[in-house]
Every structure is written in C-alpha cells, then in structure tokens.
C-alpha cells in the first residue's frame, strides 16, 4: 500500500527595511505561497516581515524553523552593508560564516577577476555546510541550511531560481481550491458560510473575498 504524503508546512520570512517603510511593494509572498501550495502541497502557515536588524532576524529564523517543516527567507543576501541575512542565519544555527568555495568560484567566473571586488565576494559568504540554490539570472546563489532556505528579494531573480529549489523540498498533501462567484453582499451569505464551515471544518477552509465592480 502506497504511503500517503503528510501535511507539510512552511513559514516565510521577508527581510528588509524597504518593505516595512513602504518604499518597496513585496511581490514574493503571494508568488511563493501559490507555488508552494499548488505545486508541492506545502501549506504556508505564517508570514513575518522584519527589518535589517540581526537579533530580529535570528529570533525569527529560530522560531519559524522550530514550528514549520521549511522556512523561506527573502532579501538581504546582496553585496551592501545592510545585507546581513546570511550572517544572521549563520549565528542563528551557530555555524561559521565563511566563503562557500563553489559559490565563490561561480561569482568569480561570472564577474571576472578585474570586477570581482570585495562587496561581490561577500555574496559568496554563508553558513558553513550550506547547500547552494543556483541562480540563472545574476549568478549569486541562494542557499539552504537545515530547514531554512535563503532566497534573494528581487522578484524576477527569485522566480528564476525556483526550478533549482524544488529538489530540496518534500511534497505534502496537495491543496485544491474552488472559487464561486456570487453577486451579492457579504451579509446575505455570512450565516450560510459559517454553518457550512462548522460542518466541514476538518476538510475545508472557506473564506469570503469581496470584490467591487463599477
């Protein structure tokens, strides 16, 4: 008898002052949640957004990694001073923060000796023992250490790396969804939805999502 997949959960940790200030609109949460749920049956159970502050990143990584099968972080792995995600995750798991040999060679080849400066070399530093998630867009890889997956914040680059991430994730129970469009007001269907949800709470999640048409 074939063993059924178990429920697999994930948390998403968005890292970056630019998200909290409103300067940058996050596009990664919805993309990752849809991809995890629809393609792999991994349910996103929690999302957090934290600033570029080391202790906040460390606390969130430790907490989320204990509660969920996977943690996906976005942002903070670039070449500038405020890109501290890799270093913070190293501290969270008490791993040495050092150059990853393969990542270093990938970046050196991509930029060339002349243009491979110290800030670019910084993108090859990560927790010791991390496995790489290759980046077909801009070379700088993400990584996975324990159950934490570290991805870039730029949406187009993140999306290009998804194919190289899938091999590290164990699929769970696939989630199916059905949308029923009703042209009415929420108060007219509220009691019926509540009654149905209570009756089938073990099998389905029901939500009401209003829309407005001019």
N, C-alpha and C. Protein backbone atom coordinates (compact mmCIF):
# COMPACT_ATOMS: atom_id res chain seq x y z
N UNK A 1 0.84 -1.20 0.00
CA UNK A 1 0.00 0.00 0.00
C UNK A 1 0.88 1.25 0.00
N UNK A 2 0.60 2.18 -0.91
CA UNK A 2 1.40 3.39 -1.03
C UNK A 2 1.11 4.34 0.14
N UNK A 3 2.19 4.79 0.78
CA UNK A 3 2.05 5.69 1.91
C UNK A 3 1.66 7.09 1.45
N UNK A 4 0.66 7.66 2.10
CA UNK A 4 0.19 8.99 1.74
C UNK A 4 1.15 10.06 2.26
N UNK A 5 1.24 11.15 1.51
CA UNK A 5 2.06 12.27 1.95
C UNK A 5 1.47 12.91 3.20
N UNK A 6 2.34 13.34 4.09
CA UNK A 6 1.91 14.01 5.30
C UNK A 6 1.72 15.50 5.05
N UNK A 7 1.10 16.15 6.01
CA UNK A 7 0.94 17.59 5.91
C UNK A 7 2.30 18.26 6.11
N UNK A 8 2.70 19.06 5.17
CA UNK A 8 3.98 19.77 5.22
C UNK A 8 3.69 21.27 5.29
N UNK A 9 4.38 21.95 6.20
CA UNK A 9 4.11 23.37 6.40
C UNK A 9 5.37 24.21 6.18
N UNK A 10 5.14 25.48 5.94
CA UNK A 10 6.26 26.41 5.73
C UNK A 10 5.94 27.77 6.32
N UNK A 11 6.98 28.47 6.69
CA UNK A 11 6.87 29.86 7.10
C UNK A 11 7.70 30.70 6.14
N UNK A 12 7.27 31.92 5.90
CA UNK A 12 8.01 32.84 5.03
C UNK A 12 8.49 34.02 5.87
N UNK A 13 9.77 34.33 5.76
CA UNK A 13 10.35 35.45 6.48
C UNK A 13 10.88 36.46 5.48
N UNK A 14 10.23 37.61 5.39
CA UNK A 14 10.64 38.69 4.49
C UNK A 14 11.53 39.64 5.27
N UNK A 15 12.72 39.89 4.75
CA UNK A 15 13.70 40.70 5.47
C UNK A 15 14.04 41.96 4.67
N UNK A 16 13.85 43.11 5.30
CA UNK A 16 14.21 44.33 4.59
C UNK A 16 13.50 45.57 5.09
N UNK A 17 14.27 46.60 5.40
CA UNK A 17 13.69 47.88 5.82
C UNK A 17 12.80 48.48 4.73
N UNK A 18 13.15 48.22 3.47
CA UNK A 18 12.41 48.82 2.35
C UNK A 18 10.97 48.32 2.27
N UNK A 19 10.73 47.11 2.76
CA UNK A 19 9.37 46.57 2.76
C UNK A 19 8.55 47.23 3.87
N UNK A 20 9.14 47.36 5.03
CA UNK A 20 8.45 47.95 6.18
C UNK A 20 8.19 49.44 6.00
N UNK A 21 9.06 50.12 5.27
CA UNK A 21 8.88 51.56 5.06
C UNK A 21 7.84 51.86 4.00
N UNK A 22 7.50 50.85 3.19
CA UNK A 22 6.56 51.08 2.10
C UNK A 22 7.23 51.47 0.80
N UNK A 23 8.55 51.64 0.84
CA UNK A 23 9.28 52.03 -0.38
C UNK A 23 9.17 50.97 -1.46
N UNK A 24 9.21 49.71 -1.03
CA UNK A 24 9.14 48.59 -1.97
C UNK A 24 7.92 47.74 -1.66
N UNK A 25 7.17 47.42 -2.68
CA UNK A 25 5.99 46.55 -2.52
C UNK A 25 6.41 45.10 -2.67
N UNK A 26 6.13 44.28 -1.66
CA UNK A 26 6.52 42.88 -1.72
C UNK A 26 5.65 42.12 -2.72
N UNK A 27 6.32 41.36 -3.59
CA UNK A 27 5.63 40.51 -4.55
C UNK A 27 5.97 39.03 -4.34
N UNK A 28 6.88 38.77 -3.42
CA UNK A 28 7.36 37.40 -3.25
C UNK A 28 6.44 36.53 -2.41
N UNK A 29 5.73 37.13 -1.46
CA UNK A 29 4.88 36.33 -0.58
C UNK A 29 3.81 35.60 -1.37
N UNK A 30 3.06 36.32 -2.19
CA UNK A 30 1.98 35.68 -2.94
C UNK A 30 2.53 34.66 -3.93
N UNK A 31 3.65 34.99 -4.57
CA UNK A 31 4.24 34.03 -5.52
C UNK A 31 4.66 32.74 -4.83
N UNK A 32 5.39 32.87 -3.73
CA UNK A 32 5.87 31.69 -3.02
C UNK A 32 4.72 30.87 -2.44
N UNK A 33 3.72 31.55 -1.86
CA UNK A 33 2.59 30.84 -1.26
C UNK A 33 1.83 30.04 -2.31
N UNK A 34 1.57 30.64 -3.46
CA UNK A 34 0.88 29.93 -4.53
C UNK A 34 1.71 28.77 -5.06
N UNK A 35 3.00 29.00 -5.24
CA UNK A 35 3.88 27.95 -5.76
C UNK A 35 3.99 26.77 -4.79
N UNK A 36 4.18 27.07 -3.53
CA UNK A 36 4.30 26.01 -2.52
C UNK A 36 3.01 25.21 -2.39
N UNK A 37 1.89 25.93 -2.30
CA UNK A 37 0.60 25.26 -2.13
C UNK A 37 0.19 24.46 -3.36
N UNK A 38 0.24 25.10 -4.51
CA UNK A 38 -0.29 24.49 -5.73
C UNK A 38 0.64 23.46 -6.36
N UNK A 39 1.94 23.70 -6.30
CA UNK A 39 2.88 22.79 -6.95
C UNK A 39 3.37 21.67 -6.05
N UNK A 40 3.48 21.95 -4.74
CA UNK A 40 4.11 20.97 -3.85
C UNK A 40 3.23 20.52 -2.69
N UNK A 41 2.08 21.14 -2.53
CA UNK A 41 1.23 20.75 -1.41
C UNK A 41 1.83 21.15 -0.07
N UNK A 42 2.64 22.21 -0.06
CA UNK A 42 3.22 22.72 1.18
C UNK A 42 2.43 23.95 1.61
N UNK A 43 1.83 23.86 2.79
CA UNK A 43 0.96 24.94 3.26
C UNK A 43 1.76 26.03 3.96
N UNK A 44 1.61 27.25 3.50
CA UNK A 44 2.23 28.39 4.17
C UNK A 44 1.37 28.75 5.37
N UNK A 45 1.94 28.57 6.57
CA UNK A 45 1.18 28.77 7.79
C UNK A 45 1.44 30.10 8.48
N UNK A 46 2.55 30.75 8.11
CA UNK A 46 2.86 32.03 8.76
C UNK A 46 3.80 32.84 7.87
N UNK A 47 3.61 34.16 7.91
CA UNK A 47 4.50 35.09 7.21
C UNK A 47 4.90 36.19 8.19
N UNK A 48 6.19 36.48 8.21
CA UNK A 48 6.69 37.58 9.04
C UNK A 48 7.52 38.53 8.18
N UNK A 49 7.50 39.80 8.55
CA UNK A 49 8.35 40.80 7.90
C UNK A 49 9.17 41.47 8.99
N UNK A 50 10.49 41.45 8.83
CA UNK A 50 11.37 42.03 9.84
C UNK A 50 12.37 42.97 9.19
N UNK A 51 12.89 43.93 9.94
CA UNK A 51 13.87 44.86 9.39
C UNK A 51 15.25 44.22 9.30
N UNK A 52 16.20 44.97 8.74
CA UNK A 52 17.58 44.50 8.64
C UNK A 52 18.29 44.68 9.98
N UNK A 53 17.81 43.96 10.97
CA UNK A 53 18.37 44.01 12.32
C UNK A 53 18.70 42.58 12.73
N UNK A 54 19.96 42.35 13.06
CA UNK A 54 20.46 40.99 13.28
C UNK A 54 19.65 40.19 14.30
N UNK A 55 19.42 40.75 15.48
CA UNK A 55 18.75 39.96 16.52
C UNK A 55 17.31 39.61 16.16
N UNK A 56 16.66 40.49 15.40
CA UNK A 56 15.28 40.21 14.98
C UNK A 56 15.26 39.08 13.94
N UNK A 57 16.23 39.09 13.04
CA UNK A 57 16.32 38.02 12.05
C UNK A 57 16.62 36.69 12.73
N UNK A 58 17.56 36.70 13.66
CA UNK A 58 17.95 35.47 14.37
C UNK A 58 16.77 34.88 15.13
N UNK A 59 16.07 35.72 15.89
CA UNK A 59 14.93 35.23 16.67
C UNK A 59 13.84 34.65 15.78
N UNK A 60 13.56 35.31 14.67
CA UNK A 60 12.51 34.84 13.77
C UNK A 60 12.90 33.53 13.08
N UNK A 61 14.15 33.44 12.66
CA UNK A 61 14.62 32.21 12.00
C UNK A 61 14.53 31.02 12.95
N UNK A 62 14.99 31.20 14.18
CA UNK A 62 14.95 30.11 15.16
C UNK A 62 13.51 29.70 15.45
N UNK A 63 12.64 30.68 15.66
CA UNK A 63 11.24 30.39 15.97
C UNK A 63 10.53 29.67 14.83
N UNK A 64 10.66 30.20 13.63
CA UNK A 64 9.98 29.61 12.48
C UNK A 64 10.52 28.22 12.15
N UNK A 65 11.82 28.04 12.28
CA UNK A 65 12.42 26.74 11.94
C UNK A 65 11.98 25.64 12.90
N UNK A 66 11.62 26.02 14.12
CA UNK A 66 11.14 25.05 15.10
C UNK A 66 9.68 24.67 14.85
N UNK A 67 8.91 25.61 14.30
CA UNK A 67 7.47 25.40 14.15
C UNK A 67 7.04 24.81 12.82
N UNK A 68 7.87 24.95 11.78
CA UNK A 68 7.45 24.51 10.45
C UNK A 68 8.51 23.63 9.78
N UNK A 69 8.07 22.86 8.82
CA UNK A 69 8.99 21.98 8.10
C UNK A 69 10.05 22.76 7.33
N UNK A 70 9.62 23.89 6.76
CA UNK A 70 10.54 24.71 5.98
C UNK A 70 10.34 26.19 6.33
N UNK A 71 11.44 26.94 6.20
CA UNK A 71 11.38 28.39 6.31
C UNK A 71 12.02 28.97 5.06
N UNK A 72 11.33 29.86 4.39
CA UNK A 72 11.89 30.53 3.22
C UNK A 72 12.10 31.99 3.55
N UNK A 73 13.33 32.46 3.45
CA UNK A 73 13.61 33.86 3.68
C UNK A 73 13.84 34.56 2.35
N UNK A 74 13.44 35.82 2.28
CA UNK A 74 13.69 36.60 1.07
C UNK A 74 14.36 37.91 1.46
N UNK A 75 15.38 38.29 0.69
CA UNK A 75 16.04 39.57 0.92
C UNK A 75 17.28 39.48 1.79
N UNK A 76 18.17 40.45 1.60
CA UNK A 76 19.32 40.58 2.48
C UNK A 76 20.52 39.73 2.16
N UNK A 77 20.65 39.25 0.89
CA UNK A 77 21.83 38.44 0.56
C UNK A 77 22.66 39.10 -0.55
N UNK A 78 22.53 40.42 -0.68
CA UNK A 78 23.28 41.15 -1.69
C UNK A 78 24.64 41.61 -1.18
N UNK A 79 25.26 42.58 -1.87
CA UNK A 79 26.64 43.00 -1.56
C UNK A 79 26.79 44.19 -0.61
N UNK A 80 25.68 44.80 -0.19
CA UNK A 80 25.79 46.04 0.59
C UNK A 80 25.80 45.80 2.10
N UNK A 81 26.08 46.87 2.84
CA UNK A 81 26.25 46.77 4.29
C UNK A 81 25.01 46.27 5.02
N UNK A 82 23.83 46.56 4.46
CA UNK A 82 22.59 46.17 5.11
C UNK A 82 22.12 44.77 4.73
N UNK A 83 22.88 44.08 3.90
CA UNK A 83 22.57 42.70 3.55
C UNK A 83 23.21 41.78 4.57
N UNK A 84 22.45 41.46 5.62
CA UNK A 84 23.01 40.72 6.76
C UNK A 84 22.29 39.39 7.01
N UNK A 85 21.47 38.97 6.06
CA UNK A 85 20.70 37.74 6.26
C UNK A 85 21.59 36.52 6.43
N UNK A 86 22.56 36.35 5.55
CA UNK A 86 23.43 35.16 5.60
C UNK A 86 24.19 35.09 6.92
N UNK A 87 24.72 36.22 7.34
CA UNK A 87 25.47 36.26 8.60
C UNK A 87 24.55 35.97 9.79
N UNK A 88 23.35 36.52 9.75
CA UNK A 88 22.40 36.32 10.84
C UNK A 88 21.97 34.86 10.94
N UNK A 89 21.72 34.22 9.81
CA UNK A 89 21.33 32.81 9.81
C UNK A 89 22.48 31.94 10.31
N UNK A 90 23.71 32.32 9.98
CA UNK A 90 24.89 31.60 10.49
C UNK A 90 24.90 31.63 12.02
N UNK A 91 24.62 32.81 12.57
CA UNK A 91 24.60 32.94 14.03
C UNK A 91 23.42 32.20 14.65
N UNK A 92 22.29 32.20 13.94
CA UNK A 92 21.11 31.51 14.47
C UNK A 92 21.38 30.03 14.69
N UNK A 93 22.13 29.43 13.78
CA UNK A 93 22.41 27.99 13.87
C UNK A 93 23.82 27.69 14.37
N UNK A 94 24.51 28.75 14.85
CA UNK A 94 25.86 28.58 15.39
C UNK A 94 26.80 27.93 14.38
N UNK A 95 26.72 28.43 13.16
CA UNK A 95 27.58 27.96 12.08
C UNK A 95 28.59 29.04 11.71
N UNK A 96 29.76 28.64 11.29
CA UNK A 96 30.76 29.61 10.86
C UNK A 96 30.29 30.33 9.61
N UNK A 97 30.44 31.64 9.61
CA UNK A 97 30.08 32.48 8.46
C UNK A 97 31.32 32.61 7.60
N UNK A 98 31.33 31.93 6.45
CA UNK A 98 32.55 31.84 5.68
C UNK A 98 32.26 31.74 4.19
N UNK A 99 33.30 31.84 3.39
CA UNK A 99 33.12 31.72 1.94
C UNK A 99 32.77 30.28 1.57
N UNK A 100 31.75 30.16 0.73
CA UNK A 100 31.39 28.86 0.16
C UNK A 100 32.22 28.72 -1.12
N UNK A 101 33.05 27.70 -1.18
CA UNK A 101 34.01 27.57 -2.27
C UNK A 101 33.34 27.58 -3.64
N UNK A 102 32.28 26.79 -3.79
CA UNK A 102 31.60 26.71 -5.09
C UNK A 102 30.96 28.05 -5.45
N UNK A 103 30.31 28.69 -4.47
CA UNK A 103 29.69 30.00 -4.71
C UNK A 103 30.74 31.03 -5.11
N UNK A 104 31.88 31.00 -4.43
CA UNK A 104 32.96 31.93 -4.72
C UNK A 104 33.44 31.77 -6.17
N UNK A 105 33.62 30.52 -6.60
CA UNK A 105 34.10 30.25 -7.96
C UNK A 105 33.06 30.65 -9.01
N UNK A 106 31.78 30.43 -8.70
CA UNK A 106 30.71 30.82 -9.63
C UNK A 106 30.72 32.32 -9.86
N UNK A 107 30.83 33.08 -8.77
CA UNK A 107 30.82 34.54 -8.87
C UNK A 107 32.10 35.08 -9.51
N UNK A 108 33.20 34.47 -9.20
CA UNK A 108 34.47 34.89 -9.79
C UNK A 108 34.44 34.72 -11.31
N UNK A 109 33.90 33.60 -11.76
CA UNK A 109 33.78 33.35 -13.20
C UNK A 109 32.80 34.32 -13.84
N UNK A 110 31.71 34.62 -13.15
CA UNK A 110 30.67 35.50 -13.69
C UNK A 110 31.16 36.93 -13.85
N UNK A 111 31.87 37.46 -12.83
CA UNK A 111 32.30 38.85 -12.86
C UNK A 111 33.69 39.04 -13.49
N UNK A 112 34.51 38.00 -13.44
CA UNK A 112 35.88 38.14 -13.92
C UNK A 112 36.77 38.69 -12.82
N UNK A 113 38.06 38.39 -12.89
CA UNK A 113 39.00 38.80 -11.83
C UNK A 113 38.99 40.30 -11.57
N UNK A 114 38.92 41.08 -12.63
CA UNK A 114 39.02 42.53 -12.50
C UNK A 114 37.83 43.13 -11.75
N UNK A 115 36.64 42.60 -11.98
CA UNK A 115 35.42 43.17 -11.40
C UNK A 115 34.91 42.43 -10.17
N UNK A 116 35.64 41.41 -9.75
CA UNK A 116 35.21 40.63 -8.59
C UNK A 116 35.74 41.29 -7.32
N UNK A 117 35.08 42.37 -6.91
CA UNK A 117 35.52 43.16 -5.76
C UNK A 117 35.00 42.57 -4.45
N UNK A 118 35.38 43.18 -3.34
CA UNK A 118 35.01 42.66 -2.02
C UNK A 118 33.50 42.59 -1.78
N UNK A 119 32.73 43.64 -2.16
CA UNK A 119 31.28 43.53 -1.98
C UNK A 119 30.67 42.34 -2.73
N UNK A 120 31.16 42.05 -3.92
CA UNK A 120 30.66 40.91 -4.67
C UNK A 120 31.13 39.59 -4.05
N UNK A 121 32.31 39.59 -3.51
CA UNK A 121 32.80 38.39 -2.82
C UNK A 121 31.92 38.08 -1.61
N UNK A 122 31.39 39.13 -0.99
CA UNK A 122 30.51 38.98 0.18
C UNK A 122 29.31 38.08 -0.13
N UNK A 123 28.84 38.10 -1.37
CA UNK A 123 27.68 37.29 -1.74
C UNK A 123 27.99 35.80 -1.76
N UNK A 124 29.28 35.44 -1.63
CA UNK A 124 29.66 34.03 -1.57
C UNK A 124 29.81 33.55 -0.12
N UNK A 125 29.57 34.44 0.84
CA UNK A 125 29.69 34.08 2.25
C UNK A 125 28.34 33.62 2.79
N UNK A 126 28.36 32.52 3.50
CA UNK A 126 27.14 31.91 4.03
C UNK A 126 27.49 30.93 5.14
N UNK A 127 26.49 30.34 5.80
CA UNK A 127 26.81 29.38 6.87
C UNK A 127 27.60 28.19 6.35
N UNK A 128 28.58 27.76 7.10
CA UNK A 128 29.38 26.60 6.71
C UNK A 128 28.48 25.37 6.61
N UNK A 129 28.63 24.63 5.52
CA UNK A 129 27.82 23.43 5.31
C UNK A 129 26.55 23.66 4.51
N UNK A 130 26.32 24.92 4.10
CA UNK A 130 25.11 25.23 3.32
C UNK A 130 25.19 24.62 1.92
N UNK A 131 24.04 24.26 1.39
CA UNK A 131 23.94 23.78 0.02
C UNK A 131 23.43 24.92 -0.86
N UNK A 132 23.95 25.01 -2.06
CA UNK A 132 23.61 26.13 -2.93
C UNK A 132 22.30 25.94 -3.68
N UNK A 133 21.62 27.07 -3.89
CA UNK A 133 20.48 27.13 -4.81
C UNK A 133 20.94 28.03 -5.95
N UNK A 134 21.19 27.43 -7.10
CA UNK A 134 21.80 28.15 -8.20
C UNK A 134 20.89 29.24 -8.77
N UNK A 135 21.53 30.28 -9.25
CA UNK A 135 20.84 31.47 -9.74
C UNK A 135 21.15 31.67 -11.22
N UNK A 136 20.21 31.37 -12.12
CA UNK A 136 20.46 31.52 -13.55
C UNK A 136 20.37 32.96 -14.05
N UNK A 137 19.92 33.88 -13.19
CA UNK A 137 19.74 35.27 -13.62
C UNK A 137 20.96 36.15 -13.37
N UNK A 138 21.46 36.13 -12.13
CA UNK A 138 22.56 37.04 -11.79
C UNK A 138 23.69 36.33 -11.06
N UNK A 139 23.73 35.02 -11.14
CA UNK A 139 24.83 34.18 -10.63
C UNK A 139 24.84 34.02 -9.11
N UNK A 140 24.62 35.09 -8.34
CA UNK A 140 24.71 34.99 -6.88
C UNK A 140 23.71 33.97 -6.34
N UNK A 141 24.19 32.87 -5.77
CA UNK A 141 23.28 31.81 -5.35
C UNK A 141 22.59 32.07 -4.02
N UNK A 142 21.47 31.41 -3.83
CA UNK A 142 20.85 31.33 -2.53
C UNK A 142 21.42 30.09 -1.86
N UNK A 143 20.86 29.72 -0.71
CA UNK A 143 21.38 28.52 -0.05
C UNK A 143 20.32 27.92 0.88
N UNK A 144 20.59 26.68 1.29
CA UNK A 144 19.74 26.01 2.27
C UNK A 144 20.62 25.46 3.37
N UNK A 145 20.25 25.74 4.61
CA UNK A 145 20.95 25.21 5.78
C UNK A 145 19.89 24.70 6.75
N UNK A 146 20.00 23.46 7.16
CA UNK A 146 18.96 22.79 7.95
C UNK A 146 17.65 22.87 7.16
N UNK A 147 16.61 23.47 7.75
CA UNK A 147 15.33 23.58 7.03
C UNK A 147 15.03 25.02 6.59
N UNK A 148 16.08 25.85 6.55
CA UNK A 148 15.92 27.25 6.17
C UNK A 148 16.49 27.49 4.78
N UNK A 149 15.67 28.07 3.92
CA UNK A 149 16.02 28.33 2.53
C UNK A 149 16.15 29.83 2.34
N UNK A 150 17.30 30.27 1.90
CA UNK A 150 17.60 31.70 1.79
C UNK A 150 17.58 32.12 0.34
N UNK A 151 16.66 33.03 0.00
CA UNK A 151 16.46 33.48 -1.38
C UNK A 151 16.62 34.99 -1.50
N UNK A 152 16.88 35.49 -2.69
CA UNK A 152 17.01 36.94 -2.89
C UNK A 152 15.66 37.65 -2.80
N UNK A 153 15.72 38.96 -2.67
CA UNK A 153 14.49 39.74 -2.56
C UNK A 153 13.95 40.23 -3.88
N UNK A 154 14.78 40.29 -4.92
CA UNK A 154 14.32 40.77 -6.22
C UNK A 154 13.40 39.71 -6.84
N UNK A 155 12.12 40.03 -7.06
CA UNK A 155 11.14 39.03 -7.51
C UNK A 155 11.54 38.25 -8.77
N UNK A 156 12.05 38.94 -9.78
CA UNK A 156 12.40 38.26 -11.03
C UNK A 156 13.52 37.26 -10.83
N UNK A 157 14.47 37.60 -9.98
CA UNK A 157 15.58 36.68 -9.71
C UNK A 157 15.10 35.49 -8.88
N UNK A 158 14.30 35.78 -7.87
CA UNK A 158 13.73 34.71 -7.04
C UNK A 158 12.97 33.70 -7.90
N UNK A 159 12.13 34.19 -8.79
CA UNK A 159 11.33 33.30 -9.64
C UNK A 159 12.21 32.42 -10.52
N UNK A 160 13.32 32.97 -10.99
CA UNK A 160 14.21 32.21 -11.87
C UNK A 160 14.92 31.08 -11.13
N UNK A 161 14.95 31.13 -9.79
CA UNK A 161 15.67 30.13 -9.00
C UNK A 161 14.79 29.00 -8.51
N UNK A 162 13.48 29.13 -8.70
CA UNK A 162 12.53 28.16 -8.17
C UNK A 162 12.80 26.74 -8.67
N UNK A 163 13.14 26.64 -9.94
CA UNK A 163 13.41 25.31 -10.51
C UNK A 163 14.56 24.60 -9.82
N UNK A 164 15.54 25.37 -9.33
CA UNK A 164 16.69 24.78 -8.65
C UNK A 164 16.44 24.56 -7.16
N UNK A 165 15.32 25.05 -6.67
CA UNK A 165 14.95 24.90 -5.26
C UNK A 165 14.12 23.64 -5.03
N UNK A 166 13.33 23.26 -6.00
CA UNK A 166 12.33 22.21 -5.84
C UNK A 166 12.91 20.90 -5.32
N UNK A 167 14.13 20.56 -5.72
CA UNK A 167 14.73 19.27 -5.35
C UNK A 167 14.98 19.15 -3.85
N UNK A 168 15.00 20.29 -3.14
CA UNK A 168 15.25 20.26 -1.70
C UNK A 168 13.97 20.14 -0.87
N UNK A 169 12.82 20.20 -1.52
CA UNK A 169 11.55 20.23 -0.79
C UNK A 169 10.78 18.94 -0.94
N UNK A 170 10.30 18.43 0.17
CA UNK A 170 9.47 17.22 0.17
C UNK A 170 8.01 17.62 0.00
N UNK A 171 7.33 17.09 -1.01
CA UNK A 171 5.92 17.46 -1.24
C UNK A 171 5.01 16.99 -0.11
N UNK A 172 3.92 17.71 0.08
CA UNK A 172 2.92 17.33 1.07
C UNK A 172 1.59 17.04 0.40
N UNK A 173 0.54 17.14 1.16
CA UNK A 173 -0.80 16.92 0.64
C UNK A 173 -1.20 18.09 -0.25
N UNK A 174 -1.56 17.81 -1.47
CA UNK A 174 -1.90 18.87 -2.40
C UNK A 174 -3.20 19.56 -2.00
N UNK A 175 -3.22 20.87 -2.13
CA UNK A 175 -4.39 21.67 -1.78
C UNK A 175 -5.17 22.03 -3.04
N UNK A 176 -6.46 21.80 -3.00
CA UNK A 176 -7.32 22.15 -4.14
C UNK A 176 -8.23 23.30 -3.73
N UNK A 177 -8.51 24.17 -4.67
CA UNK A 177 -9.37 25.31 -4.36
C UNK A 177 -10.46 25.46 -5.42
N UNK A 178 -11.56 26.02 -4.99
CA UNK A 178 -12.70 26.26 -5.88
C UNK A 178 -13.23 27.66 -5.59
N UNK A 179 -13.40 28.44 -6.62
CA UNK A 179 -13.93 29.80 -6.47
C UNK A 179 -15.36 29.85 -6.98
N UNK A 180 -16.25 30.33 -6.14
CA UNK A 180 -17.65 30.51 -6.51
C UNK A 180 -17.95 32.00 -6.49
N UNK A 181 -18.31 32.56 -7.62
CA UNK A 181 -18.59 34.00 -7.70
C UNK A 181 -20.08 34.25 -7.51
N UNK A 182 -20.40 35.05 -6.51
CA UNK A 182 -21.80 35.37 -6.20
C UNK A 182 -21.95 36.88 -6.16
N UNK A 183 -22.83 37.40 -6.96
CA UNK A 183 -23.04 38.86 -7.00
C UNK A 183 -24.10 39.24 -5.96
N UNK A 184 -23.61 39.41 -4.73
CA UNK A 184 -24.47 39.77 -3.61
C UNK A 184 -23.62 40.50 -2.58
N UNK A 185 -24.20 40.79 -1.43
CA UNK A 185 -23.43 41.41 -0.36
C UNK A 185 -23.09 40.34 0.68
N UNK A 186 -21.97 40.55 1.39
CA UNK A 186 -21.47 39.51 2.29
C UNK A 186 -22.46 39.13 3.39
N UNK A 187 -23.17 40.10 3.88
CA UNK A 187 -24.09 39.81 4.99
C UNK A 187 -25.18 38.82 4.59
N UNK A 188 -25.50 38.74 3.29
CA UNK A 188 -26.53 37.80 2.82
C UNK A 188 -26.07 36.35 2.86
N UNK A 189 -24.75 36.14 2.79
CA UNK A 189 -24.24 34.76 2.74
C UNK A 189 -23.44 34.38 3.98
N UNK A 190 -23.28 35.31 4.91
CA UNK A 190 -22.43 35.08 6.08
C UNK A 190 -22.86 33.88 6.92
N UNK A 191 -24.16 33.78 7.23
CA UNK A 191 -24.64 32.69 8.08
C UNK A 191 -24.51 31.34 7.39
N UNK A 192 -24.79 31.32 6.10
CA UNK A 192 -24.67 30.06 5.36
C UNK A 192 -23.23 29.58 5.28
N UNK A 193 -22.31 30.50 5.07
CA UNK A 193 -20.89 30.14 5.03
C UNK A 193 -20.41 29.62 6.38
N UNK A 194 -20.84 30.29 7.45
CA UNK A 194 -20.44 29.87 8.79
C UNK A 194 -20.95 28.47 9.11
N UNK A 195 -22.18 28.20 8.75
CA UNK A 195 -22.77 26.89 9.01
C UNK A 195 -22.04 25.79 8.24
N UNK A 196 -21.71 26.08 6.98
CA UNK A 196 -21.00 25.10 6.15
C UNK A 196 -19.58 24.87 6.67
N UNK A 197 -18.91 25.94 7.09
CA UNK A 197 -17.55 25.81 7.61
C UNK A 197 -17.53 24.95 8.87
N UNK A 198 -18.46 25.16 9.77
CA UNK A 198 -18.52 24.36 11.01
C UNK A 198 -18.76 22.89 10.71
N UNK A 199 -19.57 22.62 9.71
CA UNK A 199 -19.92 21.25 9.37
C UNK A 199 -18.73 20.50 8.76
N UNK A 200 -17.93 21.22 7.98
CA UNK A 200 -16.83 20.56 7.25
C UNK A 200 -15.46 21.11 7.65
N UNK A 201 -15.31 21.55 8.89
CA UNK A 201 -14.08 22.22 9.32
C UNK A 201 -12.84 21.34 9.24
N UNK A 202 -13.03 20.02 9.29
CA UNK A 202 -11.88 19.11 9.22
C UNK A 202 -11.37 18.92 7.79
N UNK A 203 -12.17 19.31 6.82
CA UNK A 203 -11.84 19.00 5.43
C UNK A 203 -11.60 20.22 4.54
N UNK A 204 -12.13 21.38 4.94
CA UNK A 204 -12.06 22.51 4.03
C UNK A 204 -12.00 23.84 4.79
N UNK A 205 -11.32 24.81 4.21
CA UNK A 205 -11.32 26.18 4.72
C UNK A 205 -12.14 27.05 3.77
N UNK A 206 -13.12 27.74 4.32
CA UNK A 206 -13.99 28.58 3.50
C UNK A 206 -13.72 30.04 3.83
N UNK A 207 -13.59 30.84 2.80
CA UNK A 207 -13.37 32.27 3.01
C UNK A 207 -14.26 33.09 2.10
N UNK A 208 -14.51 34.33 2.49
CA UNK A 208 -15.28 35.25 1.67
C UNK A 208 -14.38 36.41 1.27
N UNK A 209 -14.27 36.65 -0.02
CA UNK A 209 -13.35 37.67 -0.52
C UNK A 209 -14.11 38.65 -1.41
N UNK A 210 -14.52 39.78 -0.85
CA UNK A 210 -15.37 40.75 -1.58
C UNK A 210 -14.66 41.36 -2.78
N UNK A 211 -15.46 41.71 -3.78
CA UNK A 211 -14.95 42.46 -4.92
C UNK A 211 -15.97 43.54 -5.26
N UNK A 212 -15.53 44.52 -5.99
CA UNK A 212 -16.42 45.64 -6.33
C UNK A 212 -16.30 45.94 -7.80
N UNK A 213 -17.43 46.05 -8.46
CA UNK A 213 -17.46 46.36 -9.88
C UNK A 213 -18.18 47.68 -10.10
N UNK A 214 -17.58 48.54 -10.90
CA UNK A 214 -18.22 49.81 -11.23
C UNK A 214 -19.28 49.61 -12.32
